Protein backbone atom coordinates (compact mmCIF):
# COMPACT_ATOMS: atom_id res chain seq x y z
CA MET A 1 -52.16 8.02 19.85
CA LEU A 2 -50.12 5.10 18.46
CA LYS A 3 -48.37 7.47 16.05
CA GLN A 4 -47.38 9.75 18.94
CA ILE A 5 -45.98 6.81 20.90
CA LEU A 6 -43.93 5.62 17.91
CA THR A 7 -42.60 9.14 17.34
CA LEU A 8 -41.60 9.47 21.00
CA THR A 9 -39.92 6.05 20.95
CA LEU A 10 -37.92 6.98 17.85
CA PHE A 11 -36.82 10.25 19.47
CA ILE A 12 -35.67 8.49 22.66
CA ASN A 13 -33.75 5.83 20.73
CA THR A 14 -32.04 8.48 18.62
CA PHE A 15 -31.11 10.49 21.72
CA LEU A 16 -29.63 7.44 23.43
CA TYR A 17 -27.66 6.44 20.37
CA PHE A 18 -25.97 9.78 19.83
CA ASN A 19 -25.57 10.84 23.45
CA LEU A 20 -25.28 7.90 25.81
CA PHE A 21 -23.02 6.01 23.44
CA ASN A 22 -21.22 9.15 22.28
CA ILE A 23 -20.83 8.10 18.66
CA PRO A 24 -19.57 10.94 16.44
CA THR A 25 -20.92 11.34 12.92
CA ALA A 26 -18.04 13.25 11.28
CA GLN A 27 -14.29 13.34 11.32
CA ALA A 28 -12.46 16.45 12.52
CA ALA A 29 -9.71 17.99 10.43
CA TYR A 30 -6.05 17.35 11.21
CA THR A 31 -4.36 20.51 12.43
CA PRO A 32 -0.57 20.47 12.79
CA PRO A 33 0.57 21.86 16.16
CA PRO A 34 1.74 25.49 16.10
CA ASN A 35 4.97 24.53 17.85
CA GLN A 36 5.87 21.71 15.44
CA LYS A 37 9.63 21.48 14.96
CA LYS A 38 11.77 20.93 11.90
CA PRO A 39 14.16 17.96 11.92
CA PRO A 40 17.65 18.84 13.20
CA SER A 41 19.23 21.33 10.79
CA ASN A 42 22.24 19.10 10.20
CA ALA A 43 20.24 15.91 9.92
CA SER A 44 21.87 13.54 7.48
CA PHE A 45 20.79 10.41 9.26
CA GLY A 46 20.36 7.29 7.19
CA SER A 47 19.45 7.08 3.52
CA ALA A 48 15.75 7.51 3.04
CA THR A 49 13.95 6.35 -0.07
CA THR A 50 10.37 5.56 -0.90
CA ARG A 51 10.89 3.30 -3.89
CA GLY A 52 9.99 -0.36 -3.59
CA CYS A 53 12.35 -3.22 -4.39
CA ASP A 54 11.19 -3.51 -8.00
CA GLY A 55 11.79 0.18 -8.64
CA ASN A 56 8.11 0.97 -9.14
CA SER A 57 6.19 -0.09 -6.03
CA LEU A 58 5.82 2.02 -2.90
CA SER A 59 7.31 1.66 0.55
CA ILE A 60 6.62 4.59 2.83
CA ILE A 61 5.86 5.54 6.44
CA ILE A 62 2.48 7.29 6.75
CA ALA A 63 3.59 10.46 8.56
CA SER A 64 5.20 13.83 7.94
CA GLY A 65 8.57 13.60 6.28
CA ASN A 66 9.67 17.21 6.73
CA ARG A 67 8.40 18.01 10.22
CA VAL A 68 8.82 16.38 13.64
CA GLY A 69 5.52 14.61 14.32
CA GLN A 70 4.04 14.56 17.81
CA THR A 71 2.59 11.89 20.07
CA ILE A 72 1.59 11.73 23.73
CA SER A 73 2.36 8.01 23.90
CA THR A 74 5.65 6.83 25.36
CA HIS A 75 5.08 3.60 23.41
CA PRO A 76 3.77 5.02 20.12
CA THR A 77 2.32 3.25 17.11
CA PHE A 78 3.79 3.60 13.62
CA VAL A 79 2.07 2.88 10.32
CA TRP A 80 3.66 2.23 6.95
CA PHE A 81 2.59 1.04 3.51
CA ILE A 82 4.14 -1.80 1.49
CA ASP A 83 3.21 -2.20 -2.17
CA ASP A 84 4.99 -5.47 -2.78
CA ASN A 85 3.30 -8.87 -2.88
CA GLN A 86 6.52 -10.73 -2.18
CA PRO A 87 7.26 -11.23 1.56
CA ARG A 88 10.64 -9.76 2.46
CA GLN A 89 12.72 -9.36 5.58
CA MET A 90 12.41 -5.94 7.13
CA GLU A 91 13.82 -4.09 10.11
CA PHE A 92 12.14 -1.49 12.29
CA ILE A 93 14.39 0.73 14.42
CA VAL A 94 13.86 3.72 16.71
CA TYR A 95 16.78 6.07 17.33
CA GLU A 96 17.07 8.90 19.82
CA HIS A 97 18.65 12.11 18.54
CA ILE A 98 21.41 13.00 21.01
CA GLN A 99 23.06 16.10 19.55
CA ASP A 100 24.31 17.38 16.22
CA ASN A 101 24.46 14.30 14.01
CA GLN A 102 24.62 11.78 16.84
CA TYR A 103 21.92 9.12 17.34
CA LYS A 104 21.42 6.28 19.79
CA LYS A 105 19.50 3.14 18.95
CA VAL A 106 16.75 2.56 21.54
CA TYR A 107 14.72 -0.18 19.88
CA GLN A 108 15.12 -2.68 17.05
CA THR A 109 13.07 -5.58 15.73
CA THR A 110 12.76 -7.63 12.54
CA LYS A 111 9.58 -8.60 10.74
CA THR A 112 8.40 -10.05 7.46
CA THR A 113 6.62 -7.65 5.14
CA THR A 114 3.02 -8.10 4.05
CA SER A 115 1.43 -6.18 1.21
CA GLY A 116 -0.67 -3.21 2.28
CA ILE A 117 -0.72 -1.32 5.55
CA MET A 118 1.51 -2.55 8.37
CA SER A 119 1.63 -1.10 11.88
CA PHE A 120 3.75 -1.62 14.96
CA THR A 121 3.49 -0.40 18.55
CA LEU A 122 6.54 -0.22 20.78
CA PRO A 123 6.03 -3.01 23.37
CA ASN A 124 5.02 -1.91 26.86
CA GLU A 125 7.84 -3.94 28.37
CA GLU A 126 10.36 -1.68 26.63
CA ASN A 127 11.61 1.45 28.37
CA PRO A 128 9.24 4.37 27.70
CA LEU A 129 10.40 7.09 25.34
CA THR A 130 11.23 10.41 26.98
CA PRO A 131 9.07 13.50 26.46
CA ASN A 132 10.61 16.50 24.66
CA LYS A 133 13.29 14.43 22.95
CA ILE A 134 13.48 13.96 19.19
CA TYR A 135 13.43 10.42 17.82
CA VAL A 136 13.65 8.77 14.43
CA SER A 137 11.61 5.75 13.35
CA GLN A 138 13.10 3.89 10.41
CA VAL A 139 11.75 1.05 8.28
CA THR A 140 14.30 -0.84 6.19
CA ILE A 141 13.33 -3.48 3.63
CA PHE A 142 15.97 -5.95 2.46
CA CYS A 143 15.31 -6.57 -1.21
CA GLU A 144 18.11 -9.12 -1.38
CA PRO A 145 19.06 -10.48 2.08
CA ASN A 146 22.57 -11.37 0.90
CA SER A 147 23.13 -7.93 -0.62
CA PRO A 148 22.83 -5.19 2.04
CA SER A 149 23.46 -2.50 -0.56
CA THR A 150 20.01 -3.20 -2.03
CA ALA A 151 18.26 -2.37 1.26
CA LEU A 152 15.72 0.48 1.04
CA SER A 153 14.78 2.70 3.97
CA ASP A 154 12.23 5.32 4.91
CA LEU A 155 12.35 7.37 8.09
CA VAL A 156 10.44 10.09 9.93
CA TYR A 157 11.22 12.26 12.94
CA PHE A 158 8.91 12.46 15.96
CA GLU A 159 8.79 13.53 19.59
CA VAL A 160 6.78 12.64 22.68
CA VAL A 161 4.98 15.65 24.15
CA ASN A 162 3.36 16.11 27.53
CA VAL A 163 -0.39 15.65 27.92
CA SER A 164 -2.30 18.85 28.69
CA SER A 165 -5.11 18.88 31.26
CA THR A 166 -7.52 19.96 28.50
CA LEU A 167 -6.64 16.94 26.38
CA THR A 168 -6.91 14.63 29.39
CA ASN A 169 -10.42 15.91 30.10
CA GLN A 170 -11.46 15.55 26.46
CA LEU A 171 -10.26 11.96 26.28
CA ALA A 172 -11.96 11.09 29.56
CA ASN A 173 -15.34 11.81 27.98
CA VAL A 174 -15.01 9.53 24.94
CA SER A 175 -14.58 5.82 24.48
CA ASN A 176 -14.66 5.08 20.74
CA SER A 177 -11.86 5.36 18.22
CA LEU A 178 -13.45 7.89 15.87
CA ALA A 179 -14.03 10.34 18.71
CA LYS A 180 -10.40 9.89 19.74
CA VAL A 181 -9.24 10.46 16.15
CA ASN A 182 -11.09 13.78 16.19
CA ILE A 183 -9.50 14.90 19.45
CA TYR A 184 -5.98 13.82 18.51
CA ALA A 185 -6.26 15.29 14.99
CA GLU A 186 -7.39 18.69 16.26
CA SER A 187 -4.52 18.64 18.77
CA GLY A 188 -1.92 17.90 16.09
CA LEU A 189 -1.07 14.49 17.53
CA TRP A 190 -0.53 12.64 14.26
CA PHE A 191 0.68 9.28 15.56
CA ASP A 192 -2.12 8.99 18.13
CA ALA A 193 -4.77 9.92 15.56
CA MET A 194 -3.39 7.40 13.08
CA LYS A 195 -3.33 4.66 15.73
CA GLU A 196 -7.04 5.14 16.37
CA ALA A 197 -7.73 5.33 12.63
CA ILE A 198 -6.09 1.94 12.17
CA ASN A 199 -8.38 0.52 14.85
CA LEU A 200 -11.30 1.46 12.59
CA SER A 201 -9.87 -0.03 9.39
CA PRO A 202 -9.85 -3.58 8.00
CA SER A 203 -6.59 -5.46 8.43
CA GLY A 204 -4.01 -4.43 5.85
CA GLU A 205 -5.86 -1.24 4.89
CA LEU A 206 -5.58 2.38 5.93
CA GLY A 207 -9.36 2.79 5.91
CA GLU A 208 -11.50 5.83 5.17
CA VAL A 209 -10.55 7.70 8.35
CA GLY A 210 -6.83 7.13 7.81
CA VAL A 211 -7.07 8.19 4.17
CA ASN A 212 -8.86 11.38 5.24
CA LEU A 213 -6.08 12.16 7.71
CA LEU A 214 -3.45 11.72 5.02
CA GLN A 215 -5.41 13.93 2.62
CA GLU A 216 -5.35 16.65 5.28
CA LEU A 217 -1.62 16.20 5.98
CA ILE A 218 -0.38 16.57 2.40
CA PRO A 219 -1.27 20.29 1.96
CA TYR A 220 0.73 21.12 5.08
CA GLU A 221 3.61 19.02 3.77
CA LYS A 222 3.61 21.07 0.57
CA GLU A 223 3.88 24.28 2.60
CA THR A 224 7.04 23.09 4.34
CA ILE A 225 9.08 21.46 1.58
CA ASN A 226 12.79 21.54 2.43
CA GLY A 227 14.21 20.00 -0.75
CA ASP A 228 13.78 17.54 -3.59
CA SER A 229 13.56 14.56 -1.25
CA ASP A 230 10.53 16.11 0.48
CA LEU A 231 8.88 16.74 -2.88
CA LEU A 232 9.51 13.16 -3.95
CA ARG A 233 8.04 11.86 -0.73
CA ILE A 234 4.88 13.94 -1.18
CA GLU A 235 4.53 12.55 -4.69
CA ARG A 236 4.72 9.02 -3.27
CA LEU A 237 2.05 9.82 -0.67
CA GLU A 238 -0.20 11.26 -3.36
CA GLN A 239 0.36 8.18 -5.49
CA PHE A 240 -0.65 6.04 -2.52
CA LEU A 241 -3.87 8.05 -2.16
CA LEU A 242 -4.71 7.58 -5.83
CA ASN A 243 -4.67 3.83 -5.28
CA ASN A 244 -6.79 3.89 -2.11
């Protein structure tokens, strides 16, 4: 009789844990959206590089470099990696693509770099970004503050997309970050999935969930290489994975 009671108690506790608290046990695969855009065909904005200030270390935004990433947030979160133990002045800027090769700066801030993963969310007090417009997020590190020519930049394109009723219903039924990562990843919402992944990771690290997302992104990046710069960027992302 005691054994039956213990077995029933274990069953009830297990049921409550996995159902009432809705804790997922696996991470869903990242699936790029079928309508994902290429950057503007005449894009020559900025001067992107992924080399660090010493010529060997890495400095790179964790996102697609040859496709326009998607987010449902009008104040999205961006994640980048710094492989440089020396604190340096850096600048984070968001531009709106107007037309042809014209861009308008919509946000700018300065920070001091820290080694490892850094992230930044556009402040809520700033004007929201507009759905269905293409933007550029750019990270610039000043290797020598008195020598602007030594500044190194990395940039990615992204757009804010409208939230579907299906996605709204899915999100309404979950409350933890891993479940949200799964939903966002399956919906092709890279920046939203990465934001939730960062919530699960130790400070300064991408964490297991974030690393898994990047591992899933790279094969799609290889399918859509537009030139040598894309290939170089993929090599930098793969190098980052080897060290994490």
